[in-house]
Amino acid sequence: MSGGTGFPVPTWLIGCGNMAAAMVGGWKAAGLGFDAVTVVRPSGRPVEGIRTQVDYPVGDPPKLVLLGVKPQKLDEVVPALEPRTGPDTIIMSMLAGVAANSLAERFPAVRGVVRIMPNLPVQQRQGVTAVYGADAATVREVLPLIELLGMAPVCAEERELSVIGAVAAAGPAYVARFAAAMGLGGAGLGLDPQLAAQVAVQTLIGTAALADDTGESMADIARRVASPAGTTEQGLAVLDGPDGLQPLVDRMLAAAVRRGEELADAARRN
């Protein structure tokens, strides 16, 4: 256990898909014990090192519930879960697009609701997990667990959660796609495809390490690499053009935020 941080007794993890599993991996890497945790999943498929079962535990209501199901499964989960919660229960939800007030309506008896938006590098404790809750005291109570997984910005407004989610939670997919495109581009210029992919990924890793070690902005790093009238500057001119990278990224993020708003509307209607 790190710095006295641990799971409340009892803690229930409802569902354990890719993102929840990544969080579990990060907490294991941080040295947390899981004696207080029960994973509830319909398949009953075991989560290594954690008590896993199909049915909800018998006994005291959970102090912490981590919702890790798909958003569209929420209303299948609520009828059985809600009666088992109590006035000391905190609901911590990673369900994209399901607003805090929608969760509070579904779980009216709980102490509080906290929304989180993690990304996959939480497994390496290098993640970004945006946090939002209407009650600051409830947020402070769960924050130490989240901070074990990397950066944990607390959002002043719920909409910030969606924006950080578009940048960070979805970000590994976008960055991975860009690295893949770099590799494909290198292969198109004659490199062995496997070598080109490896070079692209290592360049991504090295650039991130450089930024982390030096504290330089990405703009500063780009300026350092680009010699006047050199090859890098020519490539940057393409990315910085009117139809270059920034307009594409703006459209990409807007599409992700818009989908989150659609999911929130659907959750409110149900």
C-alpha atoms as a PDB file:
ATOM      1  CA  MET A   1       0.000   0.000   0.000  1.00  0.00           C
ATOM      2  CA  SER A   2       1.351   3.427  -0.953  1.00  0.00           C
ATOM      3  CA  GLY A   3       1.312   6.318   1.495  1.00  0.00           C
ATOM      4  CA  GLY A   4      -1.580   4.826   3.460  1.00  0.00           C
ATOM      5  CA  THR A   5      -3.863   4.942   0.434  1.00  0.00           C
ATOM      6  CA  GLY A   6      -6.152   1.946   0.018  1.00  0.00           C
ATOM      7  CA  PHE A   7      -9.582   0.820  -1.040  1.00  0.00           C
ATOM      8  CA  PRO A   8     -12.503   1.435   1.301  1.00  0.00           C
ATOM      9  CA  VAL A   9     -14.044  -1.671   2.834  1.00  0.00           C
ATOM     10  CA  PRO A  10     -15.932  -2.934   0.948  1.00  0.00           C
ATOM     11  CA  THR A  11     -15.248  -1.765  -2.627  1.00  0.00           C
ATOM     12  CA  TRP A  12     -17.120  -3.174  -5.612  1.00  0.00           C
ATOM     13  CA  LEU A  13     -15.890  -3.005  -9.189  1.00  0.00           C
ATOM     14  CA  ILE A  14     -18.873  -3.467 -11.492  1.00  0.00           C
ATOM     15  CA  GLY A  15     -17.566  -4.784 -14.803  1.00  0.00           C
ATOM     16  CA  CYS A  16     -13.912  -4.969 -15.750  1.00  0.00           C
ATOM     17  CA  GLY A  17     -13.404  -4.050 -19.392  1.00  0.00           C
ATOM     18  CA  ASN A  18     -10.267  -2.621 -20.960  1.00  0.00           C
ATOM     19  CA  MET A  19     -10.196   0.670 -19.063  1.00  0.00           C
ATOM     20  CA  ALA A  20     -11.123  -0.756 -15.666  1.00  0.00           C
ATOM     21  CA  ALA A  21      -8.534  -3.501 -16.163  1.00  0.00           C
ATOM     22  CA  ALA A  22      -5.918  -0.857 -16.957  1.00  0.00           C
ATOM     23  CA  MET A  23      -6.752   0.939 -13.697  1.00  0.00           C
ATOM     24  CA  VAL A  24      -6.483  -2.347 -11.794  1.00  0.00           C
ATOM     25  CA  GLY A  25      -3.078  -2.908 -13.380  1.00  0.00           C
ATOM     26  CA  GLY A  26      -1.926   0.535 -12.292  1.00  0.00           C
ATOM     27  CA  TRP A  27      -3.125   0.020  -8.731  1.00  0.00           C
ATOM     28  CA  LYS A  28      -1.343  -3.325  -8.600  1.00  0.00           C
ATOM     29  CA  ALA A  29       1.833  -1.623  -9.836  1.00  0.00           C
ATOM     30  CA  ALA A  30       1.401   0.923  -7.031  1.00  0.00           C
ATOM     31  CA  GLY A  31       1.390  -1.905  -4.514  1.00  0.00           C
ATOM     32  CA  LEU A  32      -2.232  -1.697  -3.423  1.00  0.00           C
ATOM     33  CA  GLY A  33      -3.842  -4.741  -1.896  1.00  0.00           C
ATOM     34  CA  PHE A  34      -7.230  -5.920  -3.160  1.00  0.00           C
ATOM     35  CA  ASP A  35      -8.595  -7.755  -0.121  1.00  0.00           C
ATOM     36  CA  ALA A  36     -11.371  -5.142   0.169  1.00  0.00           C
ATOM     37  CA  VAL A  37     -12.355  -5.382  -3.503  1.00  0.00           C
ATOM     38  CA  THR A  38     -14.905  -7.611  -5.222  1.00  0.00           C
ATOM     39  CA  VAL A  39     -15.302  -7.612  -9.006  1.00  0.00           C
ATOM     40  CA  VAL A  40     -18.869  -8.256 -10.143  1.00  0.00           C
ATOM     41  CA  ARG A  41     -19.200  -9.257 -13.787  1.00  0.00           C
ATOM     42  CA  PRO A  42     -21.921 -11.304 -15.541  1.00  0.00           C
ATOM     43  CA  SER A  43     -19.411 -13.596 -17.206  1.00  0.00           C
ATOM     44  CA  GLY A  44     -17.797 -14.490 -13.904  1.00  0.00           C
ATOM     45  CA  ARG A  45     -14.467 -14.512 -15.734  1.00  0.00           C
ATOM     46  CA  PRO A  46     -11.831 -14.148 -13.024  1.00  0.00           C
ATOM     47  CA  VAL A  47      -9.758 -10.997 -12.640  1.00  0.00           C
ATOM     48  CA  GLU A  48      -6.348 -12.217 -11.534  1.00  0.00           C
ATOM     49  CA  GLY A  49      -5.664 -11.617  -7.882  1.00  0.00           C
ATOM     50  CA  ILE A  50      -9.115 -10.173  -7.110  1.00  0.00           C
ATOM     51  CA  ARG A  51     -12.240 -11.910  -5.807  1.00  0.00           C
ATOM     52  CA  THR A  52     -14.590 -12.152  -8.801  1.00  0.00           C
ATOM     53  CA  GLN A  53     -18.212 -13.267  -8.821  1.00  0.00           C
ATOM     54  CA  VAL A  54     -21.411 -13.107 -10.834  1.00  0.00           C
ATOM     55  CA  ASP A  55     -23.716 -12.011  -8.005  1.00  0.00           C
ATOM     56  CA  TYR A  56     -23.445  -9.002  -5.734  1.00  0.00           C
ATOM     57  CA  PRO A  57     -21.758  -9.626  -2.374  1.00  0.00           C
ATOM     58  CA  VAL A  58     -23.916 -10.268   0.668  1.00  0.00           C
ATOM     59  CA  GLY A  59     -23.399  -8.028   3.682  1.00  0.00           C
ATOM     60  CA  ASP A  60     -22.669  -4.373   4.225  1.00  0.00           C
ATOM     61  CA  PRO A  61     -23.350  -1.864   1.437  1.00  0.00           C
ATOM     62  CA  PRO A  62     -20.245  -0.890  -0.507  1.00  0.00           C
ATOM     63  CA  LYS A  63     -18.298   2.194   0.543  1.00  0.00           C
ATOM     64  CA  LEU A  64     -17.046   2.624  -3.031  1.00  0.00           C
ATOM     65  CA  VAL A  65     -18.572   1.425  -6.300  1.00  0.00           C
ATOM     66  CA  LEU A  66     -16.466   1.757  -9.432  1.00  0.00           C
ATOM     67  CA  LEU A  67     -18.717   1.535 -12.477  1.00  0.00           C
ATOM     68  CA  GLY A  68     -16.756  -0.035 -15.321  1.00  0.00           C
ATOM     69  CA  VAL A  69     -19.562  -1.276 -17.585  1.00  0.00           C
ATOM     70  CA  LYS A  70     -20.405   0.105 -21.005  1.00  0.00           C
ATOM     71  CA  PRO A  71     -22.654   3.201 -20.837  1.00  0.00           C
ATOM     72  CA  GLN A  72     -25.474   1.424 -22.664  1.00  0.00           C
ATOM     73  CA  LYS A  73     -25.461  -1.293 -19.981  1.00  0.00           C
ATOM     74  CA  LEU A  74     -26.053   1.135 -17.098  1.00  0.00           C
ATOM     75  CA  ASP A  75     -29.800   0.690 -16.917  1.00  0.00           C
ATOM     76  CA  GLU A  76     -29.361  -3.082 -16.858  1.00  0.00           C
ATOM     77  CA  VAL A  77     -27.095  -2.724 -13.825  1.00  0.00           C
ATOM     78  CA  VAL A  78     -29.042  -0.147 -11.796  1.00  0.00           C
ATOM     79  CA  PRO A  79     -32.084  -2.232 -10.701  1.00  0.00           C
ATOM     80  CA  ALA A  80     -29.951  -4.806  -8.880  1.00  0.00           C
ATOM     81  CA  LEU A  81     -27.160  -2.464  -7.739  1.00  0.00           C
ATOM     82  CA  GLU A  82     -29.098   0.543  -6.443  1.00  0.00           C
ATOM     83  CA  PRO A  83     -30.917  -1.243  -3.580  1.00  0.00           C
ATOM     84  CA  ARG A  84     -27.550  -2.530  -2.347  1.00  0.00           C
ATOM     85  CA  THR A  85     -26.018   0.936  -2.017  1.00  0.00           C
ATOM     86  CA  GLY A  86     -26.338   3.083   1.101  1.00  0.00           C
ATOM     87  CA  PRO A  87     -25.765   6.564   2.524  1.00  0.00           C
ATOM     88  CA  ASP A  88     -22.010   5.932   2.851  1.00  0.00           C
ATOM     89  CA  THR A  89     -21.594   4.734  -0.748  1.00  0.00           C
ATOM     90  CA  ILE A  90     -19.623   6.750  -3.281  1.00  0.00           C
ATOM     91  CA  ILE A  91     -20.321   5.986  -6.925  1.00  0.00           C
ATOM     92  CA  MET A  92     -17.220   6.482  -9.079  1.00  0.00           C
ATOM     93  CA  SER A  93     -18.178   6.214 -12.737  1.00  0.00           C
ATOM     94  CA  MET A  94     -15.999   5.957 -15.827  1.00  0.00           C
ATOM     95  CA  LEU A  95     -19.042   5.798 -18.128  1.00  0.00           C
ATOM     96  CA  ALA A  96     -18.472   8.151 -21.036  1.00  0.00           C
ATOM     97  CA  GLY A  97     -21.281  10.620 -21.603  1.00  0.00           C
ATOM     98  CA  VAL A  98     -23.355   9.712 -18.524  1.00  0.00           C
ATOM     99  CA  ALA A  99     -23.648  12.954 -16.555  1.00  0.00           C
ATOM    100  CA  ALA A 100     -23.298  13.174 -12.792  1.00  0.00           C
ATOM    101  CA  ASN A 101     -26.909  14.274 -12.333  1.00  0.00           C
ATOM    102  CA  SER A 102     -28.120  11.274 -14.374  1.00  0.00           C
ATOM    103  CA  LEU A 103     -26.154   8.994 -12.071  1.00  0.00           C
ATOM    104  CA  ALA A 104     -27.453  10.788  -8.972  1.00  0.00           C
ATOM    105  CA  GLU A 105     -31.018  10.249 -10.163  1.00  0.00           C
ATOM    106  CA  ARG A 106     -30.355   6.534 -10.580  1.00  0.00           C
ATOM    107  CA  PHE A 107     -28.610   6.237  -7.195  1.00  0.00           C
ATOM    108  CA  PRO A 108     -30.562   8.652  -4.967  1.00  0.00           C
ATOM    109  CA  ALA A 109     -29.492   7.146  -1.647  1.00  0.00           C
ATOM    110  CA  VAL A 110     -25.722   7.359  -2.071  1.00  0.00           C
ATOM    111  CA  ARG A 111     -23.348   9.784  -0.421  1.00  0.00           C
ATOM    112  CA  GLY A 112     -22.038  11.196  -3.684  1.00  0.00           C
ATOM    113  CA  VAL A 113     -21.158  10.668  -7.345  1.00  0.00           C
ATOM    114  CA  VAL A 114     -17.726  11.209  -8.883  1.00  0.00           C
ATOM    115  CA  ARG A 115     -17.093  10.924 -12.599  1.00  0.00           C
ATOM    116  CA  ILE A 116     -13.672   9.987 -13.913  1.00  0.00           C
ATOM    117  CA  MET A 117     -12.266   9.822 -17.421  1.00  0.00           C
ATOM    118  CA  PRO A 118      -9.054   7.731 -17.449  1.00  0.00           C
ATOM    119  CA  ASN A 119      -6.856   6.705 -20.347  1.00  0.00           C
ATOM    120  CA  LEU A 120      -5.047   3.414 -20.941  1.00  0.00           C
ATOM    121  CA  PRO A 121      -1.585   4.519 -19.719  1.00  0.00           C
ATOM    122  CA  VAL A 122      -2.997   4.410 -16.174  1.00  0.00           C
ATOM    123  CA  GLN A 123      -1.805   0.810 -16.340  1.00  0.00           C
ATOM    124  CA  GLN A 124       1.779   2.134 -16.369  1.00  0.00           C
ATOM    125  CA  ARG A 125       0.855   4.826 -13.801  1.00  0.00           C
ATOM    126  CA  GLN A 126       1.491   7.371 -16.556  1.00  0.00           C
ATOM    127  CA  GLY A 127      -2.141   8.111 -17.284  1.00  0.00           C
ATOM    128  CA  VAL A 128      -4.386  11.136 -17.288  1.00  0.00           C
ATOM    129  CA  THR A 129      -7.627  10.720 -15.342  1.00  0.00           C
ATOM    130  CA  ALA A 130      -9.959  13.708 -15.323  1.00  0.00           C
ATOM    131  CA  VAL A 131     -12.113  13.924 -12.183  1.00  0.00           C
ATOM    132  CA  TYR A 132     -15.410  15.717 -11.610  1.00  0.00           C
ATOM    133  CA  GLY A 133     -17.856  15.755  -8.737  1.00  0.00           C
ATOM    134  CA  ALA A 134     -20.391  18.257  -7.466  1.00  0.00           C
ATOM    135  CA  ASP A 135     -19.243  17.694  -3.874  1.00  0.00           C
ATOM    136  CA  ALA A 136     -15.617  18.686  -3.256  1.00  0.00           C
ATOM    137  CA  ALA A 137     -15.323  16.565  -0.107  1.00  0.00           C
ATOM    138  CA  THR A 138     -16.330  13.422  -1.998  1.00  0.00           C
ATOM    139  CA  VAL A 139     -13.814  14.194  -4.738  1.00  0.00           C
ATOM    140  CA  ARG A 140     -11.052  14.672  -2.145  1.00  0.00           C
ATOM    141  CA  GLU A 141     -11.860  11.278  -0.651  1.00  0.00           C
ATOM    142  CA  VAL A 142     -11.318   9.317  -3.885  1.00  0.00           C
ATOM    143  CA  LEU A 143      -8.557  11.503  -5.343  1.00  0.00           C
ATOM    144  CA  PRO A 144      -5.629   9.721  -3.637  1.00  0.00           C
ATOM    145  CA  LEU A 145      -6.581   6.482  -5.405  1.00  0.00           C
ATOM    146  CA  ILE A 146      -6.715   8.254  -8.770  1.00  0.00           C
ATOM    147  CA  GLU A 147      -3.451  10.111  -8.240  1.00  0.00           C
ATOM    148  CA  LEU A 148      -1.642   6.779  -7.929  1.00  0.00           C
ATOM    149  CA  LEU A 149      -2.330   6.277 -11.647  1.00  0.00           C
ATOM    150  CA  GLY A 150      -0.728   9.479 -12.956  1.00  0.00           C
ATOM    151  CA  MET A 151      -2.030  12.986 -13.582  1.00  0.00           C
ATOM    152  CA  ALA A 152      -5.473  13.610 -12.040  1.00  0.00           C
ATOM    153  CA  PRO A 153      -6.847  17.036 -12.985  1.00  0.00           C
ATOM    154  CA  VAL A 154      -9.986  18.010 -11.061  1.00  0.00           C
ATOM    155  CA  CYS A 155     -12.544  19.701 -13.313  1.00  0.00           C
ATOM    156  CA  ALA A 156     -14.378  22.804 -12.143  1.00  0.00           C
ATOM    157  CA  GLU A 157     -17.194  22.115 -14.630  1.00  0.00           C
ATOM    158  CA  GLU A 158     -18.468  18.816 -15.954  1.00  0.00           C
ATOM    159  CA  ARG A 159     -17.977  19.834 -19.561  1.00  0.00           C
ATOM    160  CA  GLU A 160     -14.220  19.990 -18.923  1.00  0.00           C
ATOM    161  CA  LEU A 161     -14.359  16.251 -18.279  1.00  0.00           C
ATOM    162  CA  SER A 162     -15.611  15.659 -21.812  1.00  0.00           C
ATOM    163  CA  VAL A 163     -12.918  17.857 -23.331  1.00  0.00           C
ATOM    164  CA  ILE A 164     -10.108  16.223 -21.346  1.00  0.00           C
ATOM    165  CA  GLY A 165     -11.639  12.889 -22.276  1.00  0.00           C
ATOM    166  CA  ALA A 166     -11.485  13.798 -25.960  1.00  0.00           C
ATOM    167  CA  VAL A 167      -7.836  14.831 -25.630  1.00  0.00           C
ATOM    168  CA  ALA A 168      -6.534  12.285 -23.120  1.00  0.00           C
ATOM    169  CA  ALA A 169      -8.911   9.317 -22.802  1.00  0.00           C
ATOM    170  CA  ALA A 170      -9.255   8.986 -26.567  1.00  0.00           C
ATOM    171  CA  GLY A 171      -5.803  10.492 -27.116  1.00  0.00           C
ATOM    172  CA  PRO A 172      -3.793   7.247 -27.076  1.00  0.00           C
ATOM    173  CA  ALA A 173      -5.863   6.042 -30.039  1.00  0.00           C
ATOM    174  CA  TYR A 174      -5.182   9.271 -31.933  1.00  0.00           C
ATOM    175  CA  VAL A 175      -1.477   9.309 -31.099  1.00  0.00           C
ATOM    176  CA  ALA A 176      -1.232   5.624 -32.026  1.00  0.00           C
ATOM    177  CA  ARG A 177      -2.919   6.322 -35.351  1.00  0.00           C
ATOM    178  CA  PHE A 178      -0.465   9.171 -36.061  1.00  0.00           C
ATOM    179  CA  ALA A 179       2.505   6.949 -35.201  1.00  0.00           C
ATOM    180  CA  ALA A 180       1.097   4.234 -37.459  1.00  0.00           C
ATOM    181  CA  ALA A 181       0.756   6.786 -40.262  1.00  0.00           C
ATOM    182  CA  MET A 182       4.377   7.846 -39.754  1.00  0.00           C
ATOM    183  CA  GLY A 183       5.415   4.205 -40.018  1.00  0.00           C
ATOM    184  CA  LEU A 184       3.359   3.654 -43.147  1.00  0.00           C
ATOM    185  CA  GLY A 185       4.849   6.800 -44.630  1.00  0.00           C
ATOM    186  CA  GLY A 186       8.353   5.531 -43.953  1.00  0.00           C
ATOM    187  CA  ALA A 187       7.479   2.194 -45.522  1.00  0.00           C
ATOM    188  CA  GLY A 188       6.121   4.033 -48.554  1.00  0.00           C
ATOM    189  CA  LEU A 189       9.504   5.693 -48.936  1.00  0.00           C
ATOM    190  CA  GLY A 190      11.252   2.320 -49.021  1.00  0.00           C
ATOM    191  CA  LEU A 191      11.861   1.264 -45.403  1.00  0.00           C
ATOM    192  CA  ASP A 192      11.044  -2.244 -44.262  1.00  0.00           C
ATOM    193  CA  PRO A 193       7.490  -1.913 -42.835  1.00  0.00           C
ATOM    194  CA  GLN A 194       8.384  -3.484 -39.484  1.00  0.00           C
ATOM    195  CA  LEU A 195      11.445  -1.267 -39.093  1.00  0.00           C
ATOM    196  CA  ALA A 196       9.449   1.807 -40.103  1.00  0.00           C
ATOM    197  CA  ALA A 197       6.813   1.041 -37.457  1.00  0.00           C
ATOM    198  CA  GLN A 198       9.483   0.533 -34.785  1.00  0.00           C
ATOM    199  CA  VAL A 199      11.206   3.794 -35.683  1.00  0.00           C
ATOM    200  CA  ALA A 200       7.915   5.698 -35.532  1.00  0.00           C
ATOM    201  CA  VAL A 201       7.001   4.289 -32.102  1.00  0.00           C
ATOM    202  CA  GLN A 202      10.460   4.903 -30.650  1.00  0.00           C
ATOM    203  CA  THR A 203      10.390   8.465 -31.966  1.00  0.00           C
ATOM    204  CA  LEU A 204       7.100   8.962 -30.134  1.00  0.00           C
ATOM    205  CA  ILE A 205       8.544   7.497 -26.914  1.00  0.00           C
ATOM    206  CA  GLY A 206      11.715   9.547 -27.181  1.00  0.00           C
ATOM    207  CA  THR A 207       9.868  12.805 -27.818  1.00  0.00           C
ATOM    208  CA  ALA A 208       7.633  12.239 -24.798  1.00  0.00           C
ATOM    209  CA  ALA A 209      10.665  11.442 -22.631  1.00  0.00           C
ATOM    210  CA  LEU A 210      12.436  14.580 -23.869  1.00  0.00           C
ATOM    211  CA  ALA A 211       9.438  16.762 -23.024  1.00  0.00           C
ATOM    212  CA  ASP A 212       9.097  15.128 -19.605  1.00  0.00           C
ATOM    213  CA  ASP A 213      12.785  15.469 -18.728  1.00  0.00           C
ATOM    214  CA  THR A 214      13.288  19.031 -19.965  1.00  0.00           C
ATOM    215  CA  GLY A 215       9.872  20.567 -19.316  1.00  0.00           C
ATOM    216  CA  GLU A 216       9.974  22.073 -22.804  1.00  0.00           C
ATOM    217  CA  SER A 217       6.742  22.675 -24.674  1.00  0.00           C
ATOM    218  CA  MET A 218       6.064  20.719 -27.827  1.00  0.00           C
ATOM    219  CA  ALA A 219       6.318  23.968 -29.785  1.00  0.00           C
ATOM    220  CA  ASP A 220       9.811  24.542 -28.359  1.00  0.00           C
ATOM    221  CA  ILE A 221      10.878  21.007 -29.241  1.00  0.00           C
ATOM    222  CA  ALA A 222       9.625  21.469 -32.802  1.00  0.00           C
ATOM    223  CA  ARG A 223      11.626  24.691 -33.080  1.00  0.00           C
ATOM    224  CA  ARG A 224      14.764  22.978 -31.774  1.00  0.00           C
ATOM    225  CA  VAL A 225      14.506  20.208 -34.348  1.00  0.00           C
ATOM    226  CA  ALA A 226      13.727  22.443 -37.328  1.00  0.00           C
ATOM    227  CA  SER A 227      16.768  24.109 -38.889  1.00  0.00           C
ATOM    228  CA  PRO A 228      16.014  27.181 -41.052  1.00  0.00           C
ATOM    229  CA  ALA A 229      15.193  26.122 -44.603  1.00  0.00           C
ATOM    230  CA  GLY A 230      15.907  22.485 -43.667  1.00  0.00           C
ATOM    231  CA  THR A 231      14.001  19.266 -44.261  1.00  0.00           C
ATOM    232  CA  THR A 232      12.032  19.407 -40.978  1.00  0.00           C
ATOM    233  CA  GLU A 233      10.882  22.933 -41.710  1.00  0.00           C
ATOM    234  CA  GLN A 234       9.542  21.821 -45.071  1.00  0.00           C
ATOM    235  CA  GLY A 235       7.557  19.028 -43.439  1.00  0.00           C
ATOM    236  CA  LEU A 236       6.239  21.381 -40.735  1.00  0.00           C
ATOM    237  CA  ALA A 237       5.063  23.767 -43.445  1.00  0.00           C
ATOM    238  CA  VAL A 238       2.707  21.027 -44.631  1.00  0.00           C
ATOM    239  CA  LEU A 239       1.423  20.316 -41.110  1.00  0.00           C
ATOM    240  CA  ASP A 240       1.036  24.028 -40.348  1.00  0.00           C
ATOM    241  CA  GLY A 241      -0.814  24.850 -43.570  1.00  0.00           C
ATOM    242  CA  PRO A 242      -4.457  26.008 -43.701  1.00  0.00           C
ATOM    243  CA  ASP A 243      -5.622  22.430 -44.288  1.00  0.00           C
ATOM    244  CA  GLY A 244      -2.910  20.876 -42.143  1.00  0.00           C
ATOM    245  CA  LEU A 245      -2.785  19.215 -38.767  1.00  0.00           C
ATOM    246  CA  GLN A 246      -4.549  21.711 -36.468  1.00  0.00           C
ATOM    247  CA  PRO A 247      -7.834  21.924 -38.422  1.00  0.00           C
ATOM    248  CA  LEU A 248      -7.854  18.127 -38.615  1.00  0.00           C
ATOM    249  CA  VAL A 249      -7.286  17.797 -34.856  1.00  0.00           C
ATOM    250  CA  ASP A 250      -9.989  20.382 -34.166  1.00  0.00           C
ATOM    251  CA  ARG A 251     -12.510  18.376 -36.192  1.00  0.00           C
ATOM    252  CA  MET A 252     -11.407  15.142 -34.531  1.00  0.00           C
ATOM    253  CA  LEU A 253     -11.861  16.490 -31.007  1.00  0.00           C
ATOM    254  CA  ALA A 254     -15.155  18.175 -31.868  1.00  0.00           C
ATOM    255  CA  ALA A 255     -16.495  14.864 -33.175  1.00  0.00           C
ATOM    256  CA  ALA A 256     -15.496  13.084 -29.949  1.00  0.00           C
ATOM    257  CA  VAL A 257     -17.049  15.780 -27.719  1.00  0.00           C
ATOM    258  CA  ARG A 258     -20.218  15.777 -29.834  1.00  0.00           C
ATOM    259  CA  ARG A 259     -20.557  12.010 -29.425  1.00  0.00           C
ATOM    260  CA  GLY A 260     -20.165  12.398 -25.669  1.00  0.00           C
ATOM    261  CA  GLU A 261     -22.981  14.942 -25.650  1.00  0.00           C
ATOM    262  CA  GLU A 262     -25.163  12.524 -27.632  1.00  0.00           C
ATOM    263  CA  LEU A 263     -24.503   9.781 -25.090  1.00  0.00           C
ATOM    264  CA  ALA A 264     -25.370  12.178 -22.264  1.00  0.00           C
ATOM    265  CA  ASP A 265     -28.665  13.089 -23.973  1.00  0.00           C
ATOM    266  CA  ALA A 266     -29.496   9.404 -24.410  1.00  0.00           C
ATOM    267  CA  ALA A 267     -28.760   8.714 -20.723  1.00  0.00           C
ATOM    268  CA  ARG A 268     -31.021  11.585 -19.651  1.00  0.00           C
ATOM    269  CA  ARG A 269     -33.892  10.282 -21.801  1.00  0.00           C
ATOM    270  CA  ASN A 270     -33.694   6.759 -20.339  1.00  0.00           C
END
